[in-house]
């Protein structure tokens, strides 16, 4: 069987590298996006792109098609977290920053990747939301809204293209075991957190044929947190 091809965003930060490693281990062709120069395994197509720019997202898909000839899957891992404090004291730039990095990046690359998927009549898209989208907490309104919007984006995409053979799902992690999260929560029981490797396995499974009946799912990925 010919190797499948996936576009992966956000592989240079947080736990995103674990996603890239999982796809590579499973024999996928990988096109990875990054905002700057990064060192990734040989054979990975790395495209420098600011995915808040729709033209940059189009370039990523074009480069992927030129190299591999198809886009079978898309995993939108790019994102970030920023506290904004109480709404009435918050800075509008923090609000817009979270929408750009969590929602706009997913929208632009989805928009570009859907075209070859629709032509092929198949494909799978996985989004990364957050438990905070359905269990909000104080002080992070822009992050919470942006991650809730990611779920709405997934549902809208699913409604549009499911009958054309393209699946869309979202996972909702809670807190992930990363060096930054350990520094910020030094007294936490990290054994309850999910790991990047665990989330990577779920994302790769959702992109593959073994999960073929599943579309439109919002999937808790909390570990024991």
Protein backbone atom coordinates (compact mmCIF):
# COMPACT_ATOMS: atom_id res chain seq x y z
CA UNK A 1 0.00 0.00 0.00
CA UNK A 2 1.30 3.45 -0.87
CA UNK A 3 2.36 5.59 2.07
CA UNK A 4 -0.28 7.96 3.37
CA UNK A 5 0.49 11.65 3.65
CA UNK A 6 -0.31 13.94 6.57
CA UNK A 7 0.11 17.65 7.16
CA UNK A 8 0.98 18.31 10.79
CA UNK A 9 0.99 21.76 12.37
CA UNK A 10 2.58 22.78 15.65
CA UNK A 11 5.22 20.04 15.71
CA UNK A 12 8.00 22.33 16.94
CA UNK A 13 6.40 23.31 20.24
CA UNK A 14 4.99 21.76 23.39
CA UNK A 15 4.08 18.12 22.79
CA UNK A 16 3.74 18.50 19.02
CA UNK A 17 7.03 16.73 18.30
CA UNK A 18 5.56 13.53 19.72
CA UNK A 19 2.85 13.74 17.05
CA UNK A 20 5.42 14.00 14.28
CA UNK A 21 7.42 11.09 15.70
CA UNK A 22 4.31 8.90 15.86
CA UNK A 23 3.32 9.58 12.27
CA UNK A 24 6.87 8.96 11.06
CA UNK A 25 7.07 5.69 13.01
CA UNK A 26 3.82 4.53 11.40
CA UNK A 27 5.18 5.13 7.90
CA UNK A 28 3.33 8.30 6.96
CA UNK A 29 4.75 10.86 4.59
CA UNK A 30 4.87 13.99 6.74
CA UNK A 31 4.62 17.64 5.77
CA UNK A 32 5.26 19.69 8.91
CA UNK A 33 4.74 23.39 9.38
CA UNK A 34 6.90 25.63 11.55
CA UNK A 35 7.11 29.36 12.13
CA UNK A 36 10.91 29.30 11.87
CA UNK A 37 13.88 27.05 11.19
CA UNK A 38 13.68 23.71 13.01
CA UNK A 39 15.58 20.44 12.80
CA UNK A 40 13.30 17.52 12.03
CA UNK A 41 13.96 13.93 10.89
CA UNK A 42 15.23 13.30 7.40
CA UNK A 43 12.40 12.74 4.96
CA UNK A 44 10.02 15.16 6.66
CA UNK A 45 9.02 18.05 4.44
CA UNK A 46 9.27 21.18 6.59
CA UNK A 47 7.49 24.30 5.37
CA UNK A 48 8.07 27.56 7.23
CA UNK A 49 4.68 29.20 7.54
CA UNK A 50 2.71 31.60 9.68
CA UNK A 51 -0.67 29.91 9.45
CA UNK A 52 -2.53 33.02 10.51
CA UNK A 53 -1.88 34.03 6.89
CA UNK A 54 -4.19 32.20 4.44
CA UNK A 55 -1.61 32.51 1.65
CA UNK A 56 0.96 30.71 3.80
CA UNK A 57 -1.48 27.85 4.38
CA UNK A 58 -2.05 27.55 0.65
CA UNK A 59 1.72 27.33 0.14
CA UNK A 60 1.97 24.50 2.67
CA UNK A 61 -0.61 22.44 0.82
CA UNK A 62 0.95 23.19 -2.56
CA UNK A 63 4.37 22.09 -1.30
CA UNK A 64 2.88 18.93 0.16
CA UNK A 65 1.15 18.06 -3.10
CA UNK A 66 4.29 18.78 -5.11
CA UNK A 67 6.33 16.45 -2.90
CA UNK A 68 3.89 13.66 -2.05
CA UNK A 69 0.98 14.02 -4.46
CA UNK A 70 -1.82 13.87 -1.89
CA UNK A 71 -3.13 15.12 1.44
CA UNK A 72 -4.72 12.20 3.25
CA UNK A 73 -4.83 13.70 6.72
CA UNK A 74 -4.42 16.96 8.59
CA UNK A 75 -3.65 17.30 12.29
CA UNK A 76 -4.07 20.83 13.62
CA UNK A 77 -1.84 20.76 16.68
CA UNK A 78 -0.64 24.37 16.50
CA UNK A 79 -1.93 26.46 19.37
CA UNK A 80 -1.06 28.14 22.60
CA UNK A 81 -2.21 29.36 26.00
CA UNK A 82 -2.21 32.83 27.48
CA UNK A 83 -3.94 34.09 30.60
CA UNK A 84 -5.86 37.31 30.09
CA UNK A 85 -7.12 37.98 33.61
CA UNK A 86 -10.63 39.27 34.32
CA UNK A 87 -12.54 40.31 31.21
CA UNK A 88 -13.00 43.88 32.36
CA UNK A 89 -9.23 44.26 32.87
CA UNK A 90 -8.08 42.26 29.87
CA UNK A 91 -6.05 43.51 26.93
CA UNK A 92 -7.72 43.21 23.51
CA UNK A 93 -4.41 42.07 22.03
CA UNK A 94 -4.48 38.99 24.30
CA UNK A 95 -8.00 38.20 23.08
CA UNK A 96 -7.03 38.47 19.43
CA UNK A 97 -3.75 36.58 19.93
CA UNK A 98 -5.54 33.49 21.26
CA UNK A 99 -8.07 33.55 18.44
CA UNK A 100 -5.29 33.84 15.87
CA UNK A 101 -3.08 31.04 17.18
CA UNK A 102 -5.82 28.57 18.16
CA UNK A 103 -8.62 29.22 15.68
CA UNK A 104 -7.26 31.10 12.68
CA UNK A 105 -4.38 28.65 12.17
CA UNK A 106 -6.83 25.74 12.11
CA UNK A 107 -9.18 27.56 9.74
CA UNK A 108 -6.58 28.56 7.15
CA UNK A 109 -4.94 25.16 6.86
CA UNK A 110 -8.33 23.39 6.83
CA UNK A 111 -9.51 25.67 4.04
CA UNK A 112 -6.44 24.88 1.95
CA UNK A 113 -6.30 21.13 2.68
CA UNK A 114 -9.97 20.49 1.97
CA UNK A 115 -9.60 21.12 -1.74
CA UNK A 116 -7.36 18.11 -2.52
CA UNK A 117 -9.29 15.99 -0.03
CA UNK A 118 -12.59 16.77 -1.77
CA UNK A 119 -11.02 15.96 -5.15
CA UNK A 120 -9.82 12.63 -3.78
CA UNK A 121 -13.10 11.88 -2.02
CA UNK A 122 -11.35 11.02 1.23
CA UNK A 123 -9.42 12.50 4.12
CA UNK A 124 -9.33 12.96 7.86
CA UNK A 125 -8.87 16.13 9.91
CA UNK A 126 -8.10 16.18 13.62
CA UNK A 127 -8.33 19.32 15.74
CA UNK A 128 -6.97 19.95 19.22
CA UNK A 129 -9.42 21.68 21.52
CA UNK A 130 -9.30 21.65 25.33
CA UNK A 131 -11.32 20.50 28.29
CA UNK A 132 -11.51 24.19 29.17
CA UNK A 133 -13.87 24.62 26.21
CA UNK A 134 -16.58 22.76 28.11
CA UNK A 135 -15.29 23.25 31.69
CA UNK A 136 -14.20 26.90 31.80
CA UNK A 137 -12.11 28.45 34.55
CA UNK A 138 -11.56 32.07 35.46
CA UNK A 139 -8.85 34.23 33.96
CA UNK A 140 -8.40 32.60 30.55
CA UNK A 141 -11.45 33.74 28.63
CA UNK A 142 -9.73 34.25 25.30
CA UNK A 143 -8.16 30.79 25.41
CA UNK A 144 -11.45 29.17 26.42
CA UNK A 145 -13.43 30.90 23.68
CA UNK A 146 -10.82 30.07 21.04
CA UNK A 147 -10.81 26.38 21.98
CA UNK A 148 -14.60 26.25 22.04
CA UNK A 149 -14.54 27.78 18.57
CA UNK A 150 -12.22 24.99 17.43
CA UNK A 151 -14.95 22.49 18.33
CA UNK A 152 -17.48 24.54 16.38
CA UNK A 153 -15.09 24.64 13.43
CA UNK A 154 -14.78 20.86 13.51
CA UNK A 155 -18.56 20.45 13.63
CA UNK A 156 -19.06 22.85 10.74
CA UNK A 157 -16.46 21.03 8.64
CA UNK A 158 -18.00 17.67 9.48
CA UNK A 159 -21.44 18.92 8.43
CA UNK A 160 -20.08 20.12 5.10
CA UNK A 161 -17.86 17.29 3.97
CA UNK A 162 -18.72 14.08 5.79
CA UNK A 163 -20.85 12.88 2.86
CA UNK A 164 -17.91 13.57 0.55
CA UNK A 165 -15.77 11.02 2.38
CA UNK A 166 -13.88 13.42 4.66
CA UNK A 167 -13.94 13.00 8.42
CA UNK A 168 -13.38 15.63 11.12
CA UNK A 169 -12.89 15.07 14.84
CA UNK A 170 -11.51 16.97 17.81
CA UNK A 171 -9.71 15.83 20.92
CA UNK A 172 -9.92 17.69 24.24
CA UNK A 173 -6.80 17.33 26.38
CA UNK A 174 -6.68 18.67 29.89
CA UNK A 175 -3.15 19.31 31.11
CA UNK A 176 -0.33 17.68 29.18
CA UNK A 177 2.99 16.60 30.66
CA UNK A 178 5.44 19.09 29.15
CA UNK A 179 8.50 20.79 30.69
CA UNK A 180 6.68 24.13 30.74
CA UNK A 181 3.64 22.71 32.54
CA UNK A 182 5.88 21.00 35.08
CA UNK A 183 7.63 24.30 35.79
CA UNK A 184 4.30 26.07 36.22
CA UNK A 185 2.86 23.34 38.48
CA UNK A 186 5.84 22.03 40.48
CA UNK A 187 3.66 20.37 43.14
CA UNK A 188 1.26 18.62 40.77
CA UNK A 189 0.84 14.86 40.48
CA UNK A 190 2.09 14.56 36.92
CA UNK A 191 1.20 10.86 36.80
CA UNK A 192 -2.38 12.02 36.27
CA UNK A 193 -1.53 14.11 33.22
CA UNK A 194 -1.65 12.89 29.65
CA UNK A 195 1.60 12.67 27.74
CA UNK A 196 2.44 13.88 24.27
CA UNK A 197 2.99 10.30 23.17
CA UNK A 198 -0.48 9.25 24.33
CA UNK A 199 -2.13 12.13 22.51
CA UNK A 200 -0.02 11.47 19.42
CA UNK A 201 -1.28 7.89 19.28
CA UNK A 202 -4.89 9.07 19.47
CA UNK A 203 -4.37 11.68 16.75
CA UNK A 204 -2.66 9.21 14.42
CA UNK A 205 -5.42 6.66 15.01
CA UNK A 206 -8.08 9.26 14.18
CA UNK A 207 -6.24 10.04 10.95
CA UNK A 208 -6.03 6.41 9.92
CA UNK A 209 -8.47 3.91 8.50
CA UNK A 210 -8.99 2.03 11.78
CA UNK A 211 -11.14 4.94 12.97
CA UNK A 212 -13.06 5.17 9.68
CA UNK A 213 -16.61 5.16 11.15
CA UNK A 214 -15.84 8.10 13.45
CA UNK A 215 -16.60 11.68 12.39
CA UNK A 216 -17.95 14.69 14.23
CA UNK A 217 -16.56 13.47 17.53
CA UNK A 218 -15.46 15.65 20.43
CA UNK A 219 -13.28 13.25 22.35
CA UNK A 220 -12.17 13.71 25.99
CA UNK A 221 -8.44 13.11 26.41
CA UNK A 222 -8.00 13.96 30.07
CA UNK A 223 -5.93 11.08 31.37
CA UNK A 224 -6.64 11.02 35.11
CA UNK A 225 -6.53 14.78 35.53
